[in-house]
């Protein structure tokens, strides 16, 4: 059984279950739709609250790790020595080829 056919079976099964629940319900369509909307809104709000709690916990744990020094890398102190400092580039372009300005008569 491939993943695609399993996913298709899940989707079709849930669609058939929702349709049969809608058709065989003892409430009117508007009441059932209202109940479904209320439950969906309630579940959405619960998920948002849970996600906020998870993010807050992750931030607290990250702050704890950073204050413990496990992830803190102090800045590197470079010592200035002739080996670590590059020499200035040589500018000898004008020495090799002097600029020749042609005589222009106006």
N, C-alpha and C. Protein backbone atom coordinates (compact mmCIF):
# COMPACT_ATOMS: atom_id res chain seq x y z
N UNK A 1 0.86 -1.17 0.00
CA UNK A 1 0.00 0.00 0.00
C UNK A 1 0.90 1.23 0.00
N UNK A 2 0.66 2.11 -0.92
CA UNK A 2 1.48 3.31 -1.00
C UNK A 2 0.92 4.40 -0.10
N UNK A 3 1.75 5.41 0.13
CA UNK A 3 1.33 6.53 0.99
C UNK A 3 0.18 7.29 0.35
N UNK A 4 0.19 7.39 -0.97
CA UNK A 4 -0.85 8.13 -1.67
C UNK A 4 -2.22 7.48 -1.52
N UNK A 5 -2.28 6.15 -1.65
CA UNK A 5 -3.56 5.48 -1.54
C UNK A 5 -4.06 5.50 -0.09
N UNK A 6 -3.13 5.42 0.87
CA UNK A 6 -3.52 5.50 2.27
C UNK A 6 -4.09 6.89 2.58
N UNK A 7 -3.43 7.93 2.09
CA UNK A 7 -3.92 9.30 2.30
C UNK A 7 -5.27 9.50 1.64
N UNK A 8 -5.42 8.96 0.45
CA UNK A 8 -6.70 9.07 -0.25
C UNK A 8 -7.80 8.36 0.54
N UNK A 9 -7.50 7.20 1.11
CA UNK A 9 -8.48 6.48 1.93
C UNK A 9 -8.87 7.26 3.17
N UNK A 10 -7.90 7.91 3.79
CA UNK A 10 -8.19 8.74 4.98
C UNK A 10 -9.11 9.89 4.59
N UNK A 11 -8.80 10.56 3.48
CA UNK A 11 -9.60 11.71 3.05
C UNK A 11 -11.01 11.28 2.69
N UNK A 12 -11.13 10.20 1.91
CA UNK A 12 -12.47 9.72 1.53
C UNK A 12 -13.26 9.24 2.74
N UNK A 13 -12.62 8.55 3.64
CA UNK A 13 -13.30 8.06 4.84
C UNK A 13 -13.80 9.20 5.71
N UNK A 14 -12.98 10.23 5.86
CA UNK A 14 -13.43 11.36 6.69
C UNK A 14 -14.53 12.14 5.99
N UNK A 15 -14.47 12.25 4.66
CA UNK A 15 -15.54 12.95 3.93
C UNK A 15 -16.85 12.18 4.02
N UNK A 16 -16.79 10.86 3.88
CA UNK A 16 -18.01 10.04 3.98
C UNK A 16 -18.56 10.10 5.40
N UNK A 17 -17.69 10.05 6.39
CA UNK A 17 -18.13 10.13 7.79
C UNK A 17 -18.77 11.47 8.09
N UNK A 18 -18.19 12.55 7.58
CA UNK A 18 -18.77 13.88 7.82
C UNK A 18 -20.12 14.00 7.12
N UNK A 19 -20.23 13.48 5.89
CA UNK A 19 -21.50 13.56 5.16
C UNK A 19 -22.58 12.74 5.85
N UNK A 20 -22.22 11.55 6.31
CA UNK A 20 -23.24 10.72 6.98
C UNK A 20 -23.64 11.33 8.32
N UNK A 21 -22.70 11.93 9.03
CA UNK A 21 -23.05 12.59 10.30
C UNK A 21 -23.97 13.78 10.04
N UNK A 22 -23.72 14.48 8.96
CA UNK A 22 -24.53 15.64 8.61
C UNK A 22 -25.95 15.22 8.22
N UNK A 23 -26.05 14.13 7.45
CA UNK A 23 -27.37 13.68 6.98
C UNK A 23 -28.18 12.97 8.06
N UNK A 24 -27.52 12.27 8.95
CA UNK A 24 -28.22 11.48 9.96
C UNK A 24 -28.34 12.19 11.31
N UNK A 25 -27.94 13.43 11.36
CA UNK A 25 -27.98 14.16 12.63
C UNK A 25 -29.42 14.44 13.04
N UNK A 26 -29.64 14.55 14.34
CA UNK A 26 -30.98 14.81 14.85
C UNK A 26 -31.27 16.31 14.95
N UNK A 27 -30.29 17.13 14.63
CA UNK A 27 -30.49 18.57 14.66
C UNK A 27 -30.71 19.09 13.25
N UNK A 28 -31.21 20.31 13.18
CA UNK A 28 -31.38 20.91 11.86
C UNK A 28 -30.00 21.31 11.33
N UNK A 29 -29.95 21.60 10.06
CA UNK A 29 -28.69 21.96 9.42
C UNK A 29 -28.04 23.19 10.01
N UNK A 30 -28.85 24.21 10.31
CA UNK A 30 -28.30 25.45 10.87
C UNK A 30 -27.76 25.23 12.28
N UNK A 31 -28.47 24.44 13.09
CA UNK A 31 -27.99 24.16 14.44
C UNK A 31 -26.69 23.37 14.40
N UNK A 32 -26.65 22.37 13.50
CA UNK A 32 -25.46 21.55 13.37
C UNK A 32 -24.28 22.38 12.88
N UNK A 33 -24.52 23.26 11.90
CA UNK A 33 -23.44 24.12 11.41
C UNK A 33 -22.94 25.04 12.51
N UNK A 34 -23.86 25.57 13.29
CA UNK A 34 -23.46 26.43 14.42
C UNK A 34 -22.62 25.68 15.43
N UNK A 35 -23.03 24.44 15.74
CA UNK A 35 -22.26 23.62 16.69
C UNK A 35 -20.86 23.32 16.13
N UNK A 36 -20.80 23.00 14.85
CA UNK A 36 -19.51 22.69 14.23
C UNK A 36 -18.61 23.92 14.24
N UNK A 37 -19.18 25.09 13.92
CA UNK A 37 -18.39 26.32 13.93
C UNK A 37 -17.89 26.62 15.34
N UNK A 38 -18.75 26.44 16.33
CA UNK A 38 -18.35 26.70 17.72
C UNK A 38 -17.22 25.77 18.15
N UNK A 39 -17.37 24.48 17.83
CA UNK A 39 -16.33 23.52 18.21
C UNK A 39 -15.02 23.80 17.47
N UNK A 40 -15.12 24.17 16.19
CA UNK A 40 -13.91 24.48 15.42
C UNK A 40 -13.21 25.71 16.00
N UNK A 41 -13.99 26.73 16.36
CA UNK A 41 -13.41 27.93 16.97
C UNK A 41 -12.77 27.62 18.31
N UNK A 42 -13.44 26.79 19.09
CA UNK A 42 -12.91 26.40 20.39
C UNK A 42 -11.59 25.64 20.25
N UNK A 43 -11.56 24.70 19.31
CA UNK A 43 -10.34 23.93 19.09
C UNK A 43 -9.21 24.82 18.57
N UNK A 44 -9.56 25.76 17.70
CA UNK A 44 -8.55 26.69 17.18
C UNK A 44 -7.96 27.52 18.31
N UNK A 45 -8.80 28.01 19.19
CA UNK A 45 -8.33 28.81 20.32
C UNK A 45 -7.45 27.98 21.25
N UNK A 46 -7.84 26.71 21.48
CA UNK A 46 -7.02 25.84 22.32
C UNK A 46 -5.65 25.61 21.69
N UNK A 47 -5.62 25.41 20.37
CA UNK A 47 -4.35 25.19 19.69
C UNK A 47 -3.47 26.44 19.74
N UNK A 48 -4.07 27.61 19.61
CA UNK A 48 -3.30 28.85 19.69
C UNK A 48 -2.70 29.02 21.08
N UNK A 49 -3.50 28.73 22.11
CA UNK A 49 -2.99 28.84 23.48
C UNK A 49 -1.86 27.84 23.71
N UNK A 50 -2.04 26.61 23.23
CA UNK A 50 -1.01 25.58 23.40
C UNK A 50 0.27 25.96 22.65
N UNK A 51 0.13 26.50 21.45
CA UNK A 51 1.29 26.93 20.68
C UNK A 51 2.02 28.07 21.38
N UNK A 52 1.27 29.02 21.94
CA UNK A 52 1.89 30.11 22.69
C UNK A 52 2.66 29.58 23.90
N UNK A 53 2.07 28.61 24.60
CA UNK A 53 2.76 28.01 25.75
C UNK A 53 4.04 27.31 25.32
N UNK A 54 3.99 26.58 24.21
CA UNK A 54 5.17 25.87 23.73
C UNK A 54 6.27 26.85 23.34
N UNK A 55 5.90 27.93 22.68
CA UNK A 55 6.89 28.93 22.28
C UNK A 55 7.51 29.58 23.51
N UNK A 56 6.68 29.89 24.50
CA UNK A 56 7.18 30.50 25.73
C UNK A 56 8.15 29.56 26.45
N UNK A 57 7.81 28.27 26.52
CA UNK A 57 8.70 27.30 27.16
C UNK A 57 10.01 27.19 26.41
N UNK A 58 9.95 27.20 25.08
CA UNK A 58 11.17 27.10 24.29
C UNK A 58 12.05 28.33 24.50
N UNK A 59 11.44 29.51 24.58
CA UNK A 59 12.22 30.72 24.82
C UNK A 59 12.88 30.69 26.20
N UNK A 60 12.15 30.19 27.19
CA UNK A 60 12.72 30.10 28.55
C UNK A 60 13.90 29.14 28.56
N UNK A 61 13.75 27.98 27.92
CA UNK A 61 14.84 27.00 27.88
C UNK A 61 16.05 27.55 27.13
N UNK A 62 15.80 28.27 26.05
CA UNK A 62 16.90 28.86 25.29
C UNK A 62 17.63 29.91 26.11
N UNK A 63 16.88 30.73 26.83
CA UNK A 63 17.51 31.73 27.70
C UNK A 63 18.34 31.06 28.78
N UNK A 64 17.83 29.96 29.35
CA UNK A 64 18.60 29.24 30.36
C UNK A 64 19.89 28.70 29.79
N UNK A 65 19.83 28.14 28.59
CA UNK A 65 21.03 27.60 27.96
C UNK A 65 22.04 28.70 27.66
N UNK A 66 21.54 29.85 27.18
CA UNK A 66 22.45 30.94 26.85
C UNK A 66 23.10 31.51 28.11
N UNK A 67 22.36 31.57 29.22
CA UNK A 67 22.95 32.09 30.45
C UNK A 67 23.88 31.08 31.09
N UNK A 68 23.71 29.80 30.81
CA UNK A 68 24.62 28.79 31.35
C UNK A 68 25.99 28.87 30.67
N UNK A 69 26.06 29.51 29.55
CA UNK A 69 27.33 29.66 28.85
C UNK A 69 27.62 28.56 27.86
N UNK A 70 26.69 27.67 27.65
CA UNK A 70 26.94 26.58 26.71
C UNK A 70 27.02 27.08 25.27
N UNK A 71 26.21 28.08 24.94
CA UNK A 71 26.20 28.57 23.58
C UNK A 71 26.88 29.92 23.44
N UNK A 72 27.45 30.43 24.52
CA UNK A 72 28.07 31.75 24.47
C UNK A 72 29.49 31.63 23.95
N UNK A 73 29.79 32.31 22.90
CA UNK A 73 31.14 32.36 22.35
C UNK A 73 31.68 33.76 22.56
N UNK A 74 32.70 33.91 23.40
CA UNK A 74 33.24 35.25 23.62
C UNK A 74 33.89 35.76 22.33
N UNK A 75 33.95 37.07 22.17
CA UNK A 75 34.56 37.60 20.96
C UNK A 75 36.05 37.26 20.92
N UNK A 76 36.55 37.06 19.73
CA UNK A 76 37.94 36.71 19.55
C UNK A 76 38.78 37.98 19.65
N UNK A 77 39.83 37.94 20.46
CA UNK A 77 40.73 39.08 20.59
C UNK A 77 41.91 38.85 19.64
N UNK A 78 42.05 39.72 18.68
CA UNK A 78 43.14 39.60 17.71
C UNK A 78 44.32 40.43 18.18
N UNK A 79 45.48 39.84 18.09
CA UNK A 79 46.69 40.55 18.44
C UNK A 79 47.27 41.14 17.17
N UNK A 80 47.62 42.41 17.21
CA UNK A 80 48.15 43.10 16.04
C UNK A 80 49.66 42.88 16.01
N UNK A 81 50.09 42.04 15.10
CA UNK A 81 51.51 41.79 14.87
C UNK A 81 51.76 41.89 13.38
N UNK A 82 53.01 42.00 12.98
CA UNK A 82 53.28 42.08 11.54
C UNK A 82 52.76 40.88 10.76
N UNK A 83 52.64 39.72 11.43
CA UNK A 83 52.15 38.54 10.73
C UNK A 83 50.63 38.61 10.50
N UNK A 84 49.91 39.32 11.36
CA UNK A 84 48.45 39.36 11.24
C UNK A 84 47.95 40.59 10.51
N UNK A 85 48.84 41.52 10.19
CA UNK A 85 48.43 42.74 9.50
C UNK A 85 48.96 42.68 8.08
N UNK A 86 48.11 42.93 7.13
CA UNK A 86 48.51 42.89 5.72
C UNK A 86 49.27 44.16 5.38
N UNK A 87 50.23 44.01 4.52
CA UNK A 87 51.00 45.16 4.07
C UNK A 87 50.15 45.99 3.11
N UNK A 88 50.37 47.29 3.07
CA UNK A 88 49.59 48.11 2.15
C UNK A 88 49.94 47.75 0.71
N UNK A 89 49.00 47.88 -0.19
CA UNK A 89 49.29 47.54 -1.58
C UNK A 89 50.28 48.54 -2.19
N UNK A 90 51.06 48.03 -3.09
CA UNK A 90 52.02 48.90 -3.77
C UNK A 90 51.35 49.59 -4.93
N UNK A 91 51.56 50.89 -5.01
CA UNK A 91 50.98 51.68 -6.09
C UNK A 91 52.11 52.15 -6.99
N UNK A 92 52.47 51.32 -7.92
CA UNK A 92 53.54 51.68 -8.83
C UNK A 92 53.05 51.76 -10.27
N UNK A 93 51.79 51.93 -10.45
CA UNK A 93 51.24 51.98 -11.81
C UNK A 93 51.75 53.20 -12.56
N UNK A 94 51.93 54.31 -11.89
CA UNK A 94 52.38 55.53 -12.57
C UNK A 94 53.88 55.49 -12.85
N UNK A 95 54.62 54.71 -12.08
CA UNK A 95 56.06 54.64 -12.29
C UNK A 95 56.39 53.86 -13.56
N UNK A 96 55.65 52.82 -13.87
CA UNK A 96 55.95 51.99 -15.03
C UNK A 96 55.56 52.66 -16.33
N UNK A 97 54.36 53.13 -16.43
CA UNK A 97 53.86 53.73 -17.66
C UNK A 97 53.45 55.17 -17.38
N UNK A 98 54.27 56.10 -17.74
CA UNK A 98 53.85 57.50 -17.52
C UNK A 98 52.68 57.83 -18.44
N UNK A 99 51.87 58.75 -17.98
CA UNK A 99 50.71 59.15 -18.77
C UNK A 99 51.19 60.03 -19.92
N UNK A 100 50.82 59.63 -21.11
CA UNK A 100 51.21 60.38 -22.31
C UNK A 100 49.99 61.12 -22.79
N UNK A 101 50.12 62.42 -22.85
CA UNK A 101 49.02 63.24 -23.33
C UNK A 101 49.39 63.69 -24.73
N UNK A 102 48.59 63.33 -25.72
CA UNK A 102 48.95 63.73 -27.11
C UNK A 102 48.77 65.23 -27.29
N UNK A 103 49.59 65.78 -28.13
CA UNK A 103 49.47 67.20 -28.44
C UNK A 103 48.31 67.38 -29.39
N UNK A 104 47.36 68.14 -28.94
CA UNK A 104 46.17 68.39 -29.73
C UNK A 104 46.16 69.88 -30.07
N UNK A 105 46.09 70.20 -31.32
CA UNK A 105 46.04 71.59 -31.74
C UNK A 105 44.61 71.97 -31.98
N UNK A 106 44.26 73.07 -31.38
CA UNK A 106 42.87 73.50 -31.51
C UNK A 106 42.81 74.73 -32.37
